């Protein structure tokens, strides 16, 4: 029974971390006007999220333009 609780907490923690990463990405993109490549570098430096995990969040950015 104890292992069921632990696995449930792990899933909840993973969901919370993904939500935090998505919110952090939004903040960096909107407030800092960062490009997708810059956001990827920042997340790589400050989190341990993998590229596959980042892709699973389905985070999309408008086309980066050089204006």
PDB file of N, CA and C in Angstrom:
ATOM      1  N   UNK A   1       0.828  -1.193   0.000  1.00  0.00           N
ATOM      2  CA  UNK A   1       0.000   0.000   0.000  1.00  0.00           C
ATOM      3  C   UNK A   1       0.871   1.255   0.000  1.00  0.00           C
ATOM      4  N   UNK A   2       1.974   1.203   0.694  1.00  0.00           N
ATOM      5  CA  UNK A   2       2.842   2.364   0.773  1.00  0.00           C
ATOM      6  C   UNK A   2       3.453   2.698  -0.589  1.00  0.00           C
ATOM      7  N   UNK A   3       3.748   1.697  -1.407  1.00  0.00           N
ATOM      8  CA  UNK A   3       4.314   1.961  -2.724  1.00  0.00           C
ATOM      9  C   UNK A   3       3.314   2.663  -3.635  1.00  0.00           C
ATOM     10  N   UNK A   4       2.036   2.404  -3.456  1.00  0.00           N
ATOM     11  CA  UNK A   4       1.016   3.083  -4.258  1.00  0.00           C
ATOM     12  C   UNK A   4       1.021   4.569  -3.938  1.00  0.00           C
ATOM     13  N   UNK A   5       1.118   4.914  -2.685  1.00  0.00           N
ATOM     14  CA  UNK A   5       1.169   6.323  -2.299  1.00  0.00           C
ATOM     15  C   UNK A   5       2.415   6.988  -2.860  1.00  0.00           C
ATOM     16  N   UNK A   6       3.540   6.301  -2.780  1.00  0.00           N
ATOM     17  CA  UNK A   6       4.779   6.885  -3.285  1.00  0.00           C
ATOM     18  C   UNK A   6       4.709   7.134  -4.787  1.00  0.00           C
ATOM     19  N   UNK A   7       4.176   6.178  -5.539  1.00  0.00           N
ATOM     20  CA  UNK A   7       4.087   6.366  -6.986  1.00  0.00           C
ATOM     21  C   UNK A   7       3.090   7.470  -7.321  1.00  0.00           C
ATOM     22  N   UNK A   8       2.029   7.599  -6.523  1.00  0.00           N
ATOM     23  CA  UNK A   8       1.054   8.670  -6.743  1.00  0.00           C
ATOM     24  C   UNK A   8       1.709  10.028  -6.492  1.00  0.00           C
ATOM     25  N   UNK A   9       2.496  10.122  -5.434  1.00  0.00           N
ATOM     26  CA  UNK A   9       3.179  11.380  -5.133  1.00  0.00           C
ATOM     27  C   UNK A   9       4.214  11.715  -6.210  1.00  0.00           C
ATOM     28  N   UNK A  10       4.878  10.709  -6.739  1.00  0.00           N
ATOM     29  CA  UNK A  10       5.857  10.944  -7.799  1.00  0.00           C
ATOM     30  C   UNK A  10       5.159  11.496  -9.034  1.00  0.00           C
ATOM     31  N   UNK A  11       4.001  10.941  -9.395  1.00  0.00           N
ATOM     32  CA  UNK A  11       3.260  11.423 -10.557  1.00  0.00           C
ATOM     33  C   UNK A  11       2.780  12.858 -10.333  1.00  0.00           C
ATOM     34  N   UNK A  12       2.292  13.151  -9.142  1.00  0.00           N
ATOM     35  CA  UNK A  12       1.828  14.502  -8.831  1.00  0.00           C
ATOM     36  C   UNK A  12       2.998  15.477  -8.869  1.00  0.00           C
ATOM     37  N   UNK A  13       4.117  15.091  -8.299  1.00  0.00           N
ATOM     38  CA  UNK A  13       5.304  15.951  -8.323  1.00  0.00           C
ATOM     39  C   UNK A  13       5.768  16.201  -9.750  1.00  0.00           C
ATOM     40  N   UNK A  14       5.726  15.188 -10.589  1.00  0.00           N
ATOM     41  CA  UNK A  14       6.134  15.349 -11.982  1.00  0.00           C
ATOM     42  C   UNK A  14       5.192  16.302 -12.707  1.00  0.00           C
ATOM     43  N   UNK A  15       3.897  16.188 -12.433  1.00  0.00           N
ATOM     44  CA  UNK A  15       2.927  17.087 -13.052  1.00  0.00           C
ATOM     45  C   UNK A  15       3.158  18.526 -12.595  1.00  0.00           C
ATOM     46  N   UNK A  16       3.450  18.705 -11.329  1.00  0.00           N
ATOM     47  CA  UNK A  16       3.718  20.050 -10.812  1.00  0.00           C
ATOM     48  C   UNK A  16       4.979  20.631 -11.423  1.00  0.00           C
ATOM     49  N   UNK A  17       6.014  19.812 -11.567  1.00  0.00           N
ATOM     50  CA  UNK A  17       7.253  20.294 -12.165  1.00  0.00           C
ATOM     51  C   UNK A  17       7.032  20.686 -13.624  1.00  0.00           C
ATOM     52  N   UNK A  18       6.260  19.900 -14.349  1.00  0.00           N
ATOM     53  CA  UNK A  18       5.980  20.244 -15.736  1.00  0.00           C
ATOM     54  C   UNK A  18       5.198  21.547 -15.813  1.00  0.00           C
ATOM     55  N   UNK A  19       4.263  21.746 -14.898  1.00  0.00           N
ATOM     56  CA  UNK A  19       3.500  22.990 -14.868  1.00  0.00           C
ATOM     57  C   UNK A  19       4.410  24.172 -14.560  1.00  0.00           C
ATOM     58  N   UNK A  20       5.329  23.996 -13.637  1.00  0.00           N
ATOM     59  CA  UNK A  20       6.271  25.058 -13.291  1.00  0.00           C
ATOM     60  C   UNK A  20       7.165  25.390 -14.479  1.00  0.00           C
ATOM     61  N   UNK A  21       7.640  24.373 -15.187  1.00  0.00           N
ATOM     62  CA  UNK A  21       8.488  24.595 -16.360  1.00  0.00           C
ATOM     63  C   UNK A  21       7.707  25.355 -17.433  1.00  0.00           C
ATOM     64  N   UNK A  22       6.453  24.978 -17.651  1.00  0.00           N
ATOM     65  CA  UNK A  22       5.640  25.664 -18.649  1.00  0.00           C
ATOM     66  C   UNK A  22       5.435  27.132 -18.269  1.00  0.00           C
ATOM     67  N   UNK A  23       5.175  27.394 -16.989  1.00  0.00           N
ATOM     68  CA  UNK A  23       4.995  28.769 -16.538  1.00  0.00           C
ATOM     69  C   UNK A  23       6.297  29.555 -16.640  1.00  0.00           C
ATOM     70  N   UNK A  24       7.403  28.944 -16.284  1.00  0.00           N
ATOM     71  CA  UNK A  24       8.703  29.598 -16.390  1.00  0.00           C
ATOM     72  C   UNK A  24       9.009  29.949 -17.846  1.00  0.00           C
ATOM     73  N   UNK A  25       8.688  29.052 -18.747  1.00  0.00           N
ATOM     74  CA  UNK A  25       8.896  29.298 -20.165  1.00  0.00           C
ATOM     75  C   UNK A  25       8.069  30.492 -20.629  1.00  0.00           C
ATOM     76  N   UNK A  26       6.821  30.546 -20.202  1.00  0.00           N
ATOM     77  CA  UNK A  26       5.968  31.685 -20.560  1.00  0.00           C
ATOM     78  C   UNK A  26       6.537  32.993 -20.045  1.00  0.00           C
ATOM     79  N   UNK A  27       7.010  32.995 -18.819  1.00  0.00           N
ATOM     80  CA  UNK A  27       7.570  34.214 -18.228  1.00  0.00           C
ATOM     81  C   UNK A  27       8.796  34.671 -18.999  1.00  0.00           C
ATOM     82  N   UNK A  28       9.685  33.747 -19.293  1.00  0.00           N
ATOM     83  CA  UNK A  28      10.900  34.098 -20.031  1.00  0.00           C
ATOM     84  C   UNK A  28      10.540  34.641 -21.410  1.00  0.00           C
ATOM     85  N   UNK A  29       9.603  33.976 -22.078  1.00  0.00           N
ATOM     86  CA  UNK A  29       9.236  34.385 -23.436  1.00  0.00           C
ATOM     87  C   UNK A  29       8.541  35.747 -23.445  1.00  0.00           C
ATOM     88  N   UNK A  30       7.568  35.934 -22.552  1.00  0.00           N
ATOM     89  CA  UNK A  30       6.778  37.161 -22.575  1.00  0.00           C
ATOM     90  C   UNK A  30       7.503  38.359 -21.969  1.00  0.00           C
ATOM     91  N   UNK A  31       8.105  38.165 -20.824  1.00  0.00           N
ATOM     92  CA  UNK A  31       8.709  39.300 -20.134  1.00  0.00           C
ATOM     93  C   UNK A  31      10.091  39.657 -20.656  1.00  0.00           C
ATOM     94  N   UNK A  32      10.828  38.662 -21.081  1.00  0.00           N
ATOM     95  CA  UNK A  32      12.191  38.916 -21.543  1.00  0.00           C
ATOM     96  C   UNK A  32      12.285  38.993 -23.066  1.00  0.00           C
ATOM     97  N   UNK A  33      11.170  38.715 -23.736  1.00  0.00           N
ATOM     98  CA  UNK A  33      11.138  38.730 -25.195  1.00  0.00           C
ATOM     99  C   UNK A  33      12.235  37.832 -25.777  1.00  0.00           C
ATOM    100  N   UNK A  34      12.425  36.701 -25.146  1.00  0.00           N
ATOM    101  CA  UNK A  34      13.483  35.777 -25.553  1.00  0.00           C
ATOM    102  C   UNK A  34      13.030  34.915 -26.720  1.00  0.00           C
ATOM    103  N   UNK A  35      13.976  34.504 -27.509  1.00  0.00           N
ATOM    104  CA  UNK A  35      13.723  33.595 -28.619  1.00  0.00           C
ATOM    105  C   UNK A  35      13.673  32.167 -28.092  1.00  0.00           C
ATOM    106  N   UNK A  36      13.124  31.268 -28.890  1.00  0.00           N
ATOM    107  CA  UNK A  36      12.989  29.866 -28.480  1.00  0.00           C
ATOM    108  C   UNK A  36      14.346  29.270 -28.119  1.00  0.00           C
ATOM    109  N   UNK A  37      15.375  29.548 -28.900  1.00  0.00           N
ATOM    110  CA  UNK A  37      16.709  28.999 -28.618  1.00  0.00           C
ATOM    111  C   UNK A  37      17.235  29.492 -27.274  1.00  0.00           C
ATOM    112  N   UNK A  38      16.992  30.753 -26.951  1.00  0.00           N
ATOM    113  CA  UNK A  38      17.437  31.300 -25.672  1.00  0.00           C
ATOM    114  C   UNK A  38      16.702  30.651 -24.509  1.00  0.00           C
ATOM    115  N   UNK A  39      15.418  30.406 -24.680  1.00  0.00           N
ATOM    116  CA  UNK A  39      14.634  29.757 -23.627  1.00  0.00           C
ATOM    117  C   UNK A  39      15.154  28.347 -23.387  1.00  0.00           C
ATOM    118  N   UNK A  40      15.467  27.639 -24.462  1.00  0.00           N
ATOM    119  CA  UNK A  40      16.008  26.283 -24.338  1.00  0.00           C
ATOM    120  C   UNK A  40      17.321  26.294 -23.572  1.00  0.00           C
ATOM    121  N   UNK A  41      18.176  27.260 -23.860  1.00  0.00           N
ATOM    122  CA  UNK A  41      19.466  27.363 -23.160  1.00  0.00           C
ATOM    123  C   UNK A  41      19.245  27.662 -21.677  1.00  0.00           C
ATOM    124  N   UNK A  42      18.334  28.586 -21.376  1.00  0.00           N
ATOM    125  CA  UNK A  42      18.055  28.939 -19.977  1.00  0.00           C
ATOM    126  C   UNK A  42      17.511  27.735 -19.220  1.00  0.00           C
ATOM    127  N   UNK A  43      16.556  27.025 -19.811  1.00  0.00           N
ATOM    128  CA  UNK A  43      15.994  25.849 -19.143  1.00  0.00           C
ATOM    129  C   UNK A  43      17.050  24.767 -18.952  1.00  0.00           C
ATOM    130  N   UNK A  44      17.944  24.639 -19.916  1.00  0.00           N
ATOM    131  CA  UNK A  44      19.021  23.657 -19.805  1.00  0.00           C
ATOM    132  C   UNK A  44      19.954  24.000 -18.642  1.00  0.00           C
ATOM    133  N   UNK A  45      20.203  25.274 -18.435  1.00  0.00           N
ATOM    134  CA  UNK A  45      21.115  25.709 -17.378  1.00  0.00           C
ATOM    135  C   UNK A  45      20.502  25.600 -15.978  1.00  0.00           C
ATOM    136  N   UNK A  46      19.207  25.848 -15.857  1.00  0.00           N
ATOM    137  CA  UNK A  46      18.588  25.943 -14.538  1.00  0.00           C
ATOM    138  C   UNK A  46      17.689  24.771 -14.160  1.00  0.00           C
ATOM    139  N   UNK A  47      17.429  23.864 -15.088  1.00  0.00           N
ATOM    140  CA  UNK A  47      16.601  22.704 -14.771  1.00  0.00           C
ATOM    141  C   UNK A  47      17.286  21.449 -15.296  1.00  0.00           C
ATOM    142  N   UNK A  48      16.738  20.329 -14.942  1.00  0.00           N
ATOM    143  CA  UNK A  48      17.260  19.066 -15.463  1.00  0.00           C
ATOM    144  C   UNK A  48      16.254  18.417 -16.410  1.00  0.00           C
ATOM    145  N   UNK A  49      15.391  19.237 -17.003  1.00  0.00           N
ATOM    146  CA  UNK A  49      14.387  18.717 -17.932  1.00  0.00           C
ATOM    147  C   UNK A  49      15.075  18.309 -19.234  1.00  0.00           C
ATOM    148  N   UNK A  50      14.674  17.171 -19.747  1.00  0.00           N
ATOM    149  CA  UNK A  50      15.261  16.678 -20.992  1.00  0.00           C
ATOM    150  C   UNK A  50      14.507  17.257 -22.191  1.00  0.00           C
ATOM    151  N   UNK A  51      15.093  17.122 -23.360  1.00  0.00           N
ATOM    152  CA  UNK A  51      14.454  17.614 -24.589  1.00  0.00           C
ATOM    153  C   UNK A  51      13.125  16.900 -24.828  1.00  0.00           C
ATOM    154  N   UNK A  52      13.079  15.598 -24.560  1.00  0.00           N
ATOM    155  CA  UNK A  52      11.842  14.832 -24.738  1.00  0.00           C
ATOM    156  C   UNK A  52      10.756  15.315 -23.783  1.00  0.00           C
ATOM    157  N   UNK A  53      11.133  15.581 -22.534  1.00  0.00           N
ATOM    158  CA  UNK A  53      10.160  16.089 -21.573  1.00  0.00           C
ATOM    159  C   UNK A  53       9.660  17.467 -21.985  1.00  0.00           C
ATOM    160  N   UNK A  54      10.554  18.292 -22.473  1.00  0.00           N
ATOM    161  CA  UNK A  54      10.165  19.619 -22.925  1.00  0.00           C
ATOM    162  C   UNK A  54       9.211  19.524 -24.112  1.00  0.00           C
ATOM    163  N   UNK A  55       9.484  18.614 -25.022  1.00  0.00           N
ATOM    164  CA  UNK A  55       8.592  18.421 -26.175  1.00  0.00           C
ATOM    165  C   UNK A  55       7.233  17.874 -25.748  1.00  0.00           C
ATOM    166  N   UNK A  56       7.208  17.057 -24.694  1.00  0.00           N
ATOM    167  CA  UNK A  56       5.937  16.491 -24.237  1.00  0.00           C
ATOM    168  C   UNK A  56       5.022  17.540 -23.620  1.00  0.00           C
ATOM    169  N   UNK A  57       5.576  18.697 -23.266  1.00  0.00           N
ATOM    170  CA  UNK A  57       4.754  19.771 -22.709  1.00  0.00           C
ATOM    171  C   UNK A  57       3.945  20.490 -23.781  1.00  0.00           C
ATOM    172  N   UNK A  58       4.292  20.253 -25.046  1.00  0.00           N
ATOM    173  CA  UNK A  58       3.605  20.885 -26.168  1.00  0.00           C
ATOM    174  C   UNK A  58       3.599  22.401 -26.052  1.00  0.00           C
ATOM    175  N   UNK A  59       4.759  22.945 -25.794  1.00  0.00           N
ATOM    176  CA  UNK A  59       4.907  24.387 -25.715  1.00  0.00           C
ATOM    177  C   UNK A  59       5.256  24.902 -27.105  1.00  0.00           C
ATOM    178  N   UNK A  60       4.428  25.801 -27.616  1.00  0.00           N
ATOM    179  CA  UNK A  60       4.642  26.355 -28.946  1.00  0.00           C
ATOM    180  C   UNK A  60       4.890  27.848 -28.833  1.00  0.00           C
ATOM    181  N   UNK A  61       5.743  28.346 -29.690  1.00  0.00           N
ATOM    182  CA  UNK A  61       6.066  29.759 -29.722  1.00  0.00           C
ATOM    183  C   UNK A  61       5.667  30.341 -31.063  1.00  0.00           C
ATOM    184  N   UNK A  62       5.251  31.611 -31.082  1.00  0.00           N
ATOM    185  CA  UNK A  62       5.042  32.249 -32.390  1.00  0.00           C
ATOM    186  C   UNK A  62       6.365  32.259 -33.142  1.00  0.00           C
ATOM    187  N   UNK A  63       6.287  32.427 -34.426  1.00  0.00           N
ATOM    188  CA  UNK A  63       7.516  32.440 -35.225  1.00  0.00           C
ATOM    189  C   UNK A  63       8.464  33.508 -34.695  1.00  0.00           C
ATOM    190  N   UNK A  64       9.687  33.110 -34.451  1.00  0.00           N
ATOM    191  CA  UNK A  64      10.712  34.061 -34.027  1.00  0.00           C
ATOM    192  C   UNK A  64      11.119  34.888 -35.241  1.00  0.00           C
ATOM    193  N   UNK A  65      10.988  36.195 -35.112  1.00  0.00           N
ATOM    194  CA  UNK A  65      11.373  37.063 -36.198  1.00  0.00           C
ATOM    195  C   UNK A  65      12.468  37.990 -35.724  1.00  0.00           C
ATOM    196  N   UNK A  66      13.318  38.349 -36.613  1.00  0.00           N
ATOM    197  CA  UNK A  66      14.405  39.276 -36.295  1.00  0.00           C
ATOM    198  C   UNK A  66      14.003  40.666 -36.728  1.00  0.00           C
ATOM    199  N   UNK A  67      13.300  41.364 -35.859  1.00  0.00           N
ATOM    200  CA  UNK A  67      12.876  42.741 -36.158  1.00  0.00           C
ATOM    201  C   UNK A  67      13.757  43.723 -35.468  1.00  0.00           C
TER     202      UNK A  67
END
